[in-house]
C-alpha atoms as a PDB file:
ATOM      1  CA  MET A   1      37.580 -82.693 -84.471  1.00  0.00           C
ATOM      2  CA  LYS A   2      41.203 -83.493 -83.706  1.00  0.00           C
ATOM      3  CA  LEU A   3      41.474 -85.700 -86.802  1.00  0.00           C
ATOM      4  CA  MET A   4      41.455 -82.805 -89.294  1.00  0.00           C
ATOM      5  CA  PRO A   5      44.677 -81.071 -88.064  1.00  0.00           C
ATOM      6  CA  ILE A   6      46.456 -84.429 -87.988  1.00  0.00           C
ATOM      7  CA  LEU A   7      45.273 -85.240 -91.526  1.00  0.00           C
ATOM      8  CA  ALA A   8      46.403 -81.823 -92.733  1.00  0.00           C
ATOM      9  CA  VAL A   9      49.884 -82.443 -91.354  1.00  0.00           C
ATOM     10  CA  ILE A  10      50.041 -85.851 -93.027  1.00  0.00           C
ATOM     11  CA  LEU A  11      48.964 -84.428 -96.393  1.00  0.00           C
ATOM     12  CA  ALA A  12      51.461 -81.570 -96.115  1.00  0.00           C
ATOM     13  CA  ALA A  13      54.276 -83.999 -95.350  1.00  0.00           C
ATOM     14  CA  ALA A  14      53.264 -86.201 -98.273  1.00  0.00           C
ATOM     15  CA  SER A  15      53.237 -83.176-100.575  1.00  0.00           C
ATOM     16  CA  ILE A  16      56.752 -82.184 -99.486  1.00  0.00           C
ATOM     17  CA  ALA A  17      58.048 -85.727 -99.935  1.00  0.00           C
ATOM     18  CA  ALA A  18      56.504 -85.939-103.409  1.00  0.00           C
ATOM     19  CA  ALA A  19      58.147 -82.728-104.597  1.00  0.00           C
ATOM     20  CA  GLU A  20      61.027 -83.368-106.965  1.00  0.00           C
ATOM     21  CA  LEU A  21      62.973 -81.663-109.715  1.00  0.00           C
ATOM     22  CA  ARG A  22      63.113 -83.571-112.993  1.00  0.00           C
ATOM     23  CA  ILE A  23      65.704 -82.331-115.473  1.00  0.00           C
ATOM     24  CA  ALA A  24      66.341 -83.601-119.006  1.00  0.00           C
ATOM     25  CA  ASP A  25      69.728 -82.839-120.556  1.00  0.00           C
ATOM     26  CA  ALA A  26      69.192 -82.686-124.313  1.00  0.00           C
ATOM     27  CA  THR A  27      72.636 -81.324-125.190  1.00  0.00           C
ATOM     28  CA  GLY A  28      75.008 -83.309-127.341  1.00  0.00           C
ATOM     29  CA  HIS A  29      77.872 -83.734-124.865  1.00  0.00           C
ATOM     30  CA  GLY A  30      76.128 -83.107-121.562  1.00  0.00           C
ATOM     31  CA  ASP A  31      75.751 -79.848-119.665  1.00  0.00           C
ATOM     32  CA  ILE A  32      78.011 -79.120-116.694  1.00  0.00           C
ATOM     33  CA  PRO A  33      76.773 -75.935-114.920  1.00  0.00           C
ATOM     34  CA  VAL A  34      73.115 -76.931-114.526  1.00  0.00           C
ATOM     35  CA  ARG A  35      74.052 -80.457-113.462  1.00  0.00           C
ATOM     36  CA  GLN A  36      76.413 -79.080-110.813  1.00  0.00           C
ATOM     37  CA  LEU A  37      73.780 -76.653-109.542  1.00  0.00           C
ATOM     38  CA  ALA A  38      71.229 -79.482-109.377  1.00  0.00           C
ATOM     39  CA  LEU A  39      73.674 -81.575-107.356  1.00  0.00           C
ATOM     40  CA  ARG A  40      74.267 -78.702-104.943  1.00  0.00           C
ATOM     41  CA  GLN A  41      70.540 -78.204-104.511  1.00  0.00           C
ATOM     42  CA  ALA A  42      69.987 -81.901-103.854  1.00  0.00           C
ATOM     43  CA  LEU A  43      72.698 -81.929-101.195  1.00  0.00           C
ATOM     44  CA  SER A  44      71.459 -78.755 -99.525  1.00  0.00           C
ATOM     45  CA  ASP A  45      67.781 -79.838 -99.507  1.00  0.00           C
ATOM     46  CA  PRO A  46      67.382 -83.649 -99.479  1.00  0.00           C
ATOM     47  CA  SER A  47      63.599 -83.257 -99.173  1.00  0.00           C
ATOM     48  CA  VAL A  48      63.482 -82.356-102.892  1.00  0.00           C
ATOM     49  CA  PRO A  49      64.909 -85.266-104.905  1.00  0.00           C
ATOM     50  CA  VAL A  50      66.579 -84.371-108.187  1.00  0.00           C
ATOM     51  CA  LYS A  51      66.247 -86.633-111.210  1.00  0.00           C
ATOM     52  CA  TYR A  52      68.741 -85.713-113.905  1.00  0.00           C
ATOM     53  CA  GLU A  53      68.917 -87.718-117.115  1.00  0.00           C
ATOM     54  CA  ARG A  54      70.303 -87.451-120.627  1.00  0.00           C
ATOM     55  CA  SER A  55      67.664 -87.374-123.317  1.00  0.00           C
ATOM     56  CA  GLY A  56      67.107 -86.831-127.011  1.00  0.00           C
ATOM     57  CA  LYS A  57      65.720 -83.464-128.044  1.00  0.00           C
ATOM     58  CA  ALA A  58      62.322 -84.676-129.225  1.00  0.00           C
ATOM     59  CA  GLU A  59      61.894 -86.913-126.175  1.00  0.00           C
ATOM     60  CA  ALA A  60      62.894 -84.109-123.804  1.00  0.00           C
ATOM     61  CA  LEU A  61      60.458 -81.611-125.328  1.00  0.00           C
ATOM     62  CA  ALA A  62      57.655 -84.176-125.319  1.00  0.00           C
ATOM     63  CA  GLY A  63      58.432 -84.946-121.675  1.00  0.00           C
ATOM     64  CA  LEU A  64      58.308 -81.256-120.794  1.00  0.00           C
ATOM     65  CA  ALA A  65      54.963 -80.829-122.549  1.00  0.00           C
ATOM     66  CA  GLY A  66      53.579 -83.966-120.905  1.00  0.00           C
ATOM     67  CA  GLY A  67      54.752 -83.145-117.394  1.00  0.00           C
ATOM     68  CA  ARG A  68      57.445 -85.806-117.196  1.00  0.00           C
ATOM     69  CA  PHE A  69      60.215 -83.183-116.957  1.00  0.00           C
ATOM     70  CA  ASP A  70      60.257 -79.850-115.148  1.00  0.00           C
ATOM     71  CA  LEU A  71      63.285 -78.466-116.991  1.00  0.00           C
ATOM     72  CA  VAL A  72      65.050 -79.222-120.270  1.00  0.00           C
ATOM     73  CA  ILE A  73      68.590 -78.115-121.154  1.00  0.00           C
ATOM     74  CA  MET A  74      69.114 -77.388-124.842  1.00  0.00           C
ATOM     75  CA  ASP A  75      71.202 -75.272-127.192  1.00  0.00           C
ATOM     76  CA  VAL A  76      69.109 -72.384-128.490  1.00  0.00           C
ATOM     77  CA  PRO A  77      69.326 -73.261-132.206  1.00  0.00           C
ATOM     78  CA  ALA A  78      67.690 -76.629-131.408  1.00  0.00           C
ATOM     79  CA  ILE A  79      64.643 -75.063-129.740  1.00  0.00           C
ATOM     80  CA  PRO A  80      61.599 -75.299-132.037  1.00  0.00           C
ATOM     81  CA  ALA A  81      60.306 -71.976-133.358  1.00  0.00           C
ATOM     82  CA  ASP A  82      56.838 -72.750-131.988  1.00  0.00           C
ATOM     83  CA  PHE A  83      58.007 -73.427-128.424  1.00  0.00           C
ATOM     84  CA  LYS A  84      55.568 -71.613-126.111  1.00  0.00           C
ATOM     85  CA  GLY A  85      57.117 -72.248-122.726  1.00  0.00           C
ATOM     86  CA  THR A  86      59.614 -70.380-120.577  1.00  0.00           C
ATOM     87  CA  ARG A  87      63.233 -70.209-121.633  1.00  0.00           C
ATOM     88  CA  LYS A  88      66.232 -68.945-119.715  1.00  0.00           C
ATOM     89  CA  VAL A  89      69.429 -68.405-121.698  1.00  0.00           C
ATOM     90  CA  TYR A  90      72.295 -68.657-119.243  1.00  0.00           C
ATOM     91  CA  GLY A  91      75.488 -69.187-121.221  1.00  0.00           C
ATOM     92  CA  VAL A  92      77.118 -69.277-124.603  1.00  0.00           C
ATOM     93  CA  ARG A  93      79.655 -71.776-125.871  1.00  0.00           C
ATOM     94  CA  ALA A  94      82.223 -70.295-128.230  1.00  0.00           C
ATOM     95  CA  LEU A  95      85.208 -71.795-130.032  1.00  0.00           C
ATOM     96  CA  ALA A  96      88.157 -69.451-130.598  1.00  0.00           C
ATOM     97  CA  PHE A  97      91.411 -69.716-132.542  1.00  0.00           C
ATOM     98  CA  TYR A  98      94.501 -68.116-131.072  1.00  0.00           C
ATOM     99  CA  VAL A  99      97.665 -67.034-132.905  1.00  0.00           C
ATOM    100  CA  ASN A 100     100.784 -65.168-131.861  1.00  0.00           C
ATOM    101  CA  VAL A 101     100.608 -61.371-132.278  1.00  0.00           C
ATOM    102  CA  ALA A 102     103.620 -61.622-134.632  1.00  0.00           C
ATOM    103  CA  ASN A 103     101.440 -63.525-137.092  1.00  0.00           C
ATOM    104  CA  THR A 104     100.048 -61.343-139.906  1.00  0.00           C
ATOM    105  CA  LEU A 105      96.902 -63.443-140.116  1.00  0.00           C
ATOM    106  CA  GLU A 106      93.855 -61.604-138.775  1.00  0.00           C
ATOM    107  CA  GLY A 107      91.077 -63.943-139.821  1.00  0.00           C
ATOM    108  CA  ALA A 108      90.201 -67.075-141.756  1.00  0.00           C
ATOM    109  CA  LYS A 109      87.279 -68.944-143.210  1.00  0.00           C
ATOM    110  CA  SER A 110      85.878 -71.977-141.422  1.00  0.00           C
ATOM    111  CA  ASP A 111      87.097 -74.385-144.093  1.00  0.00           C
ATOM    112  CA  GLN A 112      90.614 -72.917-143.924  1.00  0.00           C
ATOM    113  CA  LEU A 113      90.752 -73.494-140.181  1.00  0.00           C
ATOM    114  CA  ARG A 114      89.491 -77.021-140.678  1.00  0.00           C
ATOM    115  CA  ASP A 115      92.236 -77.635-143.223  1.00  0.00           C
ATOM    116  CA  ILE A 116      94.916 -76.246-140.906  1.00  0.00           C
ATOM    117  CA  PHE A 117      93.968 -78.700-138.174  1.00  0.00           C
ATOM    118  CA  THR A 118      93.388 -81.735-140.380  1.00  0.00           C
ATOM    119  CA  ASP A 119      96.211 -81.484-142.946  1.00  0.00           C
ATOM    120  CA  LYS A 120      99.307 -83.510-142.154  1.00  0.00           C
ATOM    121  CA  LYS A 121     101.829 -80.693-142.556  1.00  0.00           C
ATOM    122  CA  PRO A 122     100.323 -77.257-143.292  1.00  0.00           C
ATOM    123  CA  ARG A 123     102.551 -74.221-143.835  1.00  0.00           C
ATOM    124  CA  TRP A 124     101.890 -70.625-142.886  1.00  0.00           C
ATOM    125  CA  GLN A 125     102.884 -69.334-146.318  1.00  0.00           C
ATOM    126  CA  ASP A 126      99.514 -70.589-147.581  1.00  0.00           C
ATOM    127  CA  TYR A 127      97.693 -68.340-145.135  1.00  0.00           C
ATOM    128  CA  SER A 128      99.997 -65.483-144.054  1.00  0.00           C
ATOM    129  CA  PHE A 129     103.429 -63.973-144.624  1.00  0.00           C
ATOM    130  CA  LEU A 130     105.180 -66.381-142.278  1.00  0.00           C
ATOM    131  CA  ALA A 131     107.459 -68.970-143.892  1.00  0.00           C
ATOM    132  CA  ALA A 132     107.263 -71.837-141.441  1.00  0.00           C
ATOM    133  CA  ASP A 133     105.425 -75.048-140.659  1.00  0.00           C
ATOM    134  CA  ILE A 134     102.320 -74.489-138.572  1.00  0.00           C
ATOM    135  CA  LYS A 135     102.528 -75.746-134.994  1.00  0.00           C
ATOM    136  CA  ARG A 136      99.089 -76.715-133.760  1.00  0.00           C
ATOM    137  CA  TYR A 137      97.683 -76.878-130.252  1.00  0.00           C
ATOM    138  CA  GLY A 138      94.250 -77.842-129.035  1.00  0.00           C
ATOM    139  CA  ILE A 139      92.147 -79.248-126.218  1.00  0.00           C
ATOM    140  CA  ARG A 140      92.081 -82.865-125.097  1.00  0.00           C
ATOM    141  CA  PRO A 141      88.811 -84.814-125.439  1.00  0.00           C
ATOM    142  CA  GLY A 142      86.600 -84.398-122.400  1.00  0.00           C
ATOM    143  CA  LYS A 143      87.905 -80.915-121.586  1.00  0.00           C
ATOM    144  CA  PRO A 144      85.991 -77.649-122.247  1.00  0.00           C
ATOM    145  CA  GLY A 145      86.583 -76.688-125.854  1.00  0.00           C
ATOM    146  CA  ALA A 146      87.167 -80.112-127.373  1.00  0.00           C
ATOM    147  CA  GLU A 147      83.479 -80.712-128.052  1.00  0.00           C
ATOM    148  CA  LEU A 148      83.204 -77.275-129.643  1.00  0.00           C
ATOM    149  CA  MET A 149      85.884 -78.144-132.168  1.00  0.00           C
ATOM    150  CA  ALA A 150      84.143 -81.427-132.932  1.00  0.00           C
ATOM    151  CA  ASP A 151      80.683 -79.864-133.296  1.00  0.00           C
ATOM    152  CA  PHE A 152      81.450 -76.516-134.910  1.00  0.00           C
ATOM    153  CA  LEU A 153      84.355 -77.261-137.209  1.00  0.00           C
ATOM    154  CA  LEU A 154      85.500 -80.869-137.604  1.00  0.00           C
ATOM    155  CA  ARG A 155      82.032 -82.335-138.177  1.00  0.00           C
ATOM    156  CA  GLY A 156      83.264 -85.859-138.683  1.00  0.00           C
ATOM    157  CA  SER A 157      86.831 -85.020-139.733  1.00  0.00           C
ATOM    158  CA  LYS A 158      89.738 -85.953-137.475  1.00  0.00           C
ATOM    159  CA  LEU A 159      92.422 -83.743-136.021  1.00  0.00           C
ATOM    160  CA  ALA A 160      95.866 -84.290-137.486  1.00  0.00           C
ATOM    161  CA  GLU A 161      97.981 -86.525-135.254  1.00  0.00           C
ATOM    162  CA  GLU A 162     100.608 -83.793-135.133  1.00  0.00           C
ATOM    163  CA  THR A 163      98.262 -81.541-133.127  1.00  0.00           C
ATOM    164  CA  THR A 164      99.438 -81.250-129.524  1.00  0.00           C
ATOM    165  CA  LEU A 165      96.473 -81.575-127.176  1.00  0.00           C
ATOM    166  CA  LEU A 166      96.513 -79.843-123.800  1.00  0.00           C
ATOM    167  CA  LYS A 167      94.268 -79.767-120.736  1.00  0.00           C
ATOM    168  CA  SER A 168      92.932 -76.218-120.933  1.00  0.00           C
ATOM    169  CA  THR A 169      92.607 -73.096-123.057  1.00  0.00           C
ATOM    170  CA  PRO A 170      95.045 -71.107-120.850  1.00  0.00           C
ATOM    171  CA  GLU A 171      97.683 -73.743-121.653  1.00  0.00           C
ATOM    172  CA  VAL A 172      96.929 -73.427-125.363  1.00  0.00           C
ATOM    173  CA  VAL A 173      97.206 -69.649-125.134  1.00  0.00           C
ATOM    174  CA  LEU A 174     100.495 -69.928-123.266  1.00  0.00           C
ATOM    175  CA  MET A 175     102.047 -72.155-125.931  1.00  0.00           C
ATOM    176  CA  THR A 176     100.683 -69.996-128.757  1.00  0.00           C
ATOM    177  CA  GLY A 177     101.977 -66.807-127.165  1.00  0.00           C
ATOM    178  CA  ALA A 178     105.462 -68.275-126.961  1.00  0.00           C
ATOM    179  CA  ASP A 179     105.743 -69.263-130.642  1.00  0.00           C
ATOM    180  CA  PRO A 180     105.012 -67.071-133.708  1.00  0.00           C
ATOM    181  CA  ALA A 181     104.457 -70.227-135.792  1.00  0.00           C
ATOM    182  CA  ALA A 182     101.736 -71.579-133.507  1.00  0.00           C
ATOM    183  CA  ILE A 183      97.953 -71.652-133.672  1.00  0.00           C
ATOM    184  CA  GLY A 184      95.652 -73.088-131.057  1.00  0.00           C
ATOM    185  CA  PHE A 185      91.960 -73.691-130.495  1.00  0.00           C
ATOM    186  CA  GLY A 186      90.027 -73.498-127.247  1.00  0.00           C
ATOM    187  CA  VAL A 187      87.118 -71.775-125.611  1.00  0.00           C
ATOM    188  CA  TYR A 188      86.661 -68.028-125.972  1.00  0.00           C
ATOM    189  CA  LEU A 189      88.540 -66.073-123.294  1.00  0.00           C
ATOM    190  CA  SER A 190      87.263 -62.544-122.755  1.00  0.00           C
ATOM    191  CA  SER A 191      90.663 -61.471-121.407  1.00  0.00           C
ATOM    192  CA  ALA A 192      93.367 -63.096-123.503  1.00  0.00           C
ATOM    193  CA  PRO A 193      96.990 -62.039-122.851  1.00  0.00           C
ATOM    194  CA  VAL A 194      98.652 -59.468-125.085  1.00  0.00           C
ATOM    195  CA  GLN A 195     100.959 -62.078-126.648  1.00  0.00           C
ATOM    196  CA  VAL A 196      98.085 -63.617-128.594  1.00  0.00           C
ATOM    197  CA  LYS A 197      95.134 -62.546-130.682  1.00  0.00           C
ATOM    198  CA  MET A 198      91.931 -64.306-131.656  1.00  0.00           C
ATOM    199  CA  LEU A 199      91.184 -64.793-135.321  1.00  0.00           C
ATOM    200  CA  ALA A 200      88.042 -63.513-136.962  1.00  0.00           C
ATOM    201  CA  VAL A 201      86.054 -66.405-138.430  1.00  0.00           C
ATOM    202  CA  ASP A 202      84.110 -65.959-141.669  1.00  0.00           C
ATOM    203  CA  GLY A 203      84.527 -62.208-141.307  1.00  0.00           C
ATOM    204  CA  VAL A 204      83.354 -61.862-137.691  1.00  0.00           C
ATOM    205  CA  ALA A 205      85.771 -61.204-134.829  1.00  0.00           C
ATOM    206  CA  PRO A 206      85.146 -62.968-131.491  1.00  0.00           C
ATOM    207  CA  THR A 207      84.437 -60.011-129.223  1.00  0.00           C
ATOM    208  CA  LEU A 208      82.513 -60.086-125.960  1.00  0.00           C
ATOM    209  CA  LYS A 209      79.527 -58.562-127.768  1.00  0.00           C
ATOM    210  CA  SER A 210      79.575 -60.879-130.793  1.00  0.00           C
ATOM    211  CA  VAL A 211      80.015 -63.948-128.585  1.00  0.00           C
ATOM    212  CA  ARG A 212      77.259 -63.071-126.110  1.00  0.00           C
ATOM    213  CA  GLU A 213      74.887 -62.231-128.956  1.00  0.00           C
ATOM    214  CA  ALA A 214      76.029 -65.350-130.885  1.00  0.00           C
ATOM    215  CA  THR A 215      76.616 -63.321-134.039  1.00  0.00           C
ATOM    216  CA  TYR A 216      80.123 -64.781-134.031  1.00  0.00           C
ATOM    217  CA  PRO A 217      79.649 -67.943-136.157  1.00  0.00           C
ATOM    218  CA  LEU A 218      81.332 -70.326-133.692  1.00  0.00           C
ATOM    219  CA  ALA A 219      79.174 -69.315-130.730  1.00  0.00           C
ATOM    220  CA  VAL A 220      75.973 -71.012-129.570  1.00  0.00           C
ATOM    221  CA  LYS A 221      73.690 -69.994-126.713  1.00  0.00           C
ATOM    222  CA  ARG A 222      72.438 -72.543-124.203  1.00  0.00           C
ATOM    223  CA  ALA A 223      69.147 -72.363-122.337  1.00  0.00           C
ATOM    224  CA  VAL A 224      66.956 -74.100-119.784  1.00  0.00           C
ATOM    225  CA  LEU A 225      63.358 -74.602-120.877  1.00  0.00           C
ATOM    226  CA  ALA A 226      60.355 -74.878-118.582  1.00  0.00           C
ATOM    227  CA  ALA A 227      56.586 -74.852-118.853  1.00  0.00           C
ATOM    228  CA  LYS A 228      54.865 -71.556-119.617  1.00  0.00           C
ATOM    229  CA  ILE A 229      53.949 -71.402-115.930  1.00  0.00           C
ATOM    230  CA  PRO A 230      56.702 -73.371-114.163  1.00  0.00           C
ATOM    231  CA  GLY A 231      55.926 -75.291-110.997  1.00  0.00           C
ATOM    232  CA  GLU A 232      57.214 -74.080-107.649  1.00  0.00           C
ATOM    233  CA  THR A 233      60.250 -76.375-107.619  1.00  0.00           C
ATOM    234  CA  ALA A 234      61.268 -75.314-111.120  1.00  0.00           C
ATOM    235  CA  ARG A 235      60.758 -71.624-110.281  1.00  0.00           C
ATOM    236  CA  LYS A 236      63.031 -71.917-107.260  1.00  0.00           C
ATOM    237  CA  PHE A 237      65.729 -73.585-109.345  1.00  0.00           C
ATOM    238  CA  LEU A 238      65.505 -70.919-112.045  1.00  0.00           C
ATOM    239  CA  ALA A 239      65.883 -68.297-109.315  1.00  0.00           C
ATOM    240  CA  GLU A 240      69.100 -70.001-108.157  1.00  0.00           C
ATOM    241  CA  MET A 241      70.434 -69.638-111.697  1.00  0.00           C
ATOM    242  CA  GLU A 242      70.285 -65.855-111.256  1.00  0.00           C
ATOM    243  CA  LYS A 243      72.909 -65.891-108.515  1.00  0.00           C
ATOM    244  CA  ALA A 244      76.622 -65.213-108.820  1.00  0.00           C
ATOM    245  CA  ASP A 245      77.507 -68.746-107.703  1.00  0.00           C
ATOM    246  CA  PHE A 246      75.846 -70.187-110.784  1.00  0.00           C
ATOM    247  CA  ARG A 247      77.575 -67.695-113.068  1.00  0.00           C
ATOM    248  CA  ASP A 248      80.859 -68.954-111.624  1.00  0.00           C
ATOM    249  CA  LEU A 249      79.841 -72.512-112.555  1.00  0.00           C
ATOM    250  CA  VAL A 250      79.154 -71.321-116.105  1.00  0.00           C
ATOM    251  CA  LYS A 251      82.586 -69.722-116.353  1.00  0.00           C
ATOM    252  CA  ASP A 252      84.308 -72.776-114.886  1.00  0.00           C
ATOM    253  CA  ALA A 253      82.705 -74.875-117.635  1.00  0.00           C
ATOM    254  CA  GLY A 254      84.353 -72.715-120.295  1.00  0.00           C
ATOM    255  CA  MET A 255      81.189 -70.821-121.191  1.00  0.00           C
ATOM    256  CA  GLU A 256      80.455 -67.108-121.225  1.00  0.00           C
ATOM    257  CA  PRO A 257      77.578 -66.174-118.873  1.00  0.00           C
ATOM    258  CA  VAL A 258      74.687 -64.318-120.502  1.00  0.00           C
ATOM    259  CA  GLU A 259      71.394 -62.982-119.239  1.00  0.00           C
ATOM    260  CA  LYS A 260      68.455 -63.037-121.606  1.00  0.00           C
END
């Protein structure tokens, strides 16, 4: 009679030890906020191991359907139309172009912006009423914003060597605000200083609304996918993504938090 309670305890302990969170990152350059949250969770609760791995999109979705993964990170446009599981959109990546308020340019087409940053010596007179060489600023590889330029605009082209690359978007904005002949690219900042303005791209201005809804052409939503009925471990992790701490991680990664 005493064996049953002991066996129950053993089975419960085995169940706890077997619990784990398996995450597939199917984004092109690797996600930062979800990875950081997963690391925090692993440190705070060592009884739930976290397996985080980079994966191709097809492999990640197949793994989710087959039970190999609990969660998959993916940009929304890459999610198949027939996906039947749970999705949680948590952020949007947006590339913005900043110019000095003294510049008469209000917007540009995507190919014009690509030309500005790939031509050897572009001049403002081809785009606005300024008569000066264009001074270009951007984000260094590996920093938030650099991958956006590569994915959304360059698409295989290379930045002109004359482009000055900085560590962050605030630095780009600072340099652009100090020089009427400057233009810079970086992540979308919802509160840019008055010395600069963001250019409309292909006729759409980067506002908080257009970025969060991804109607701005250089904005892409990112989501975490789970099974239609997520397991307990996945549900707990998704609940953590609702908290303010995670939204701070999203912002720190140069993304705009969204809830949908």
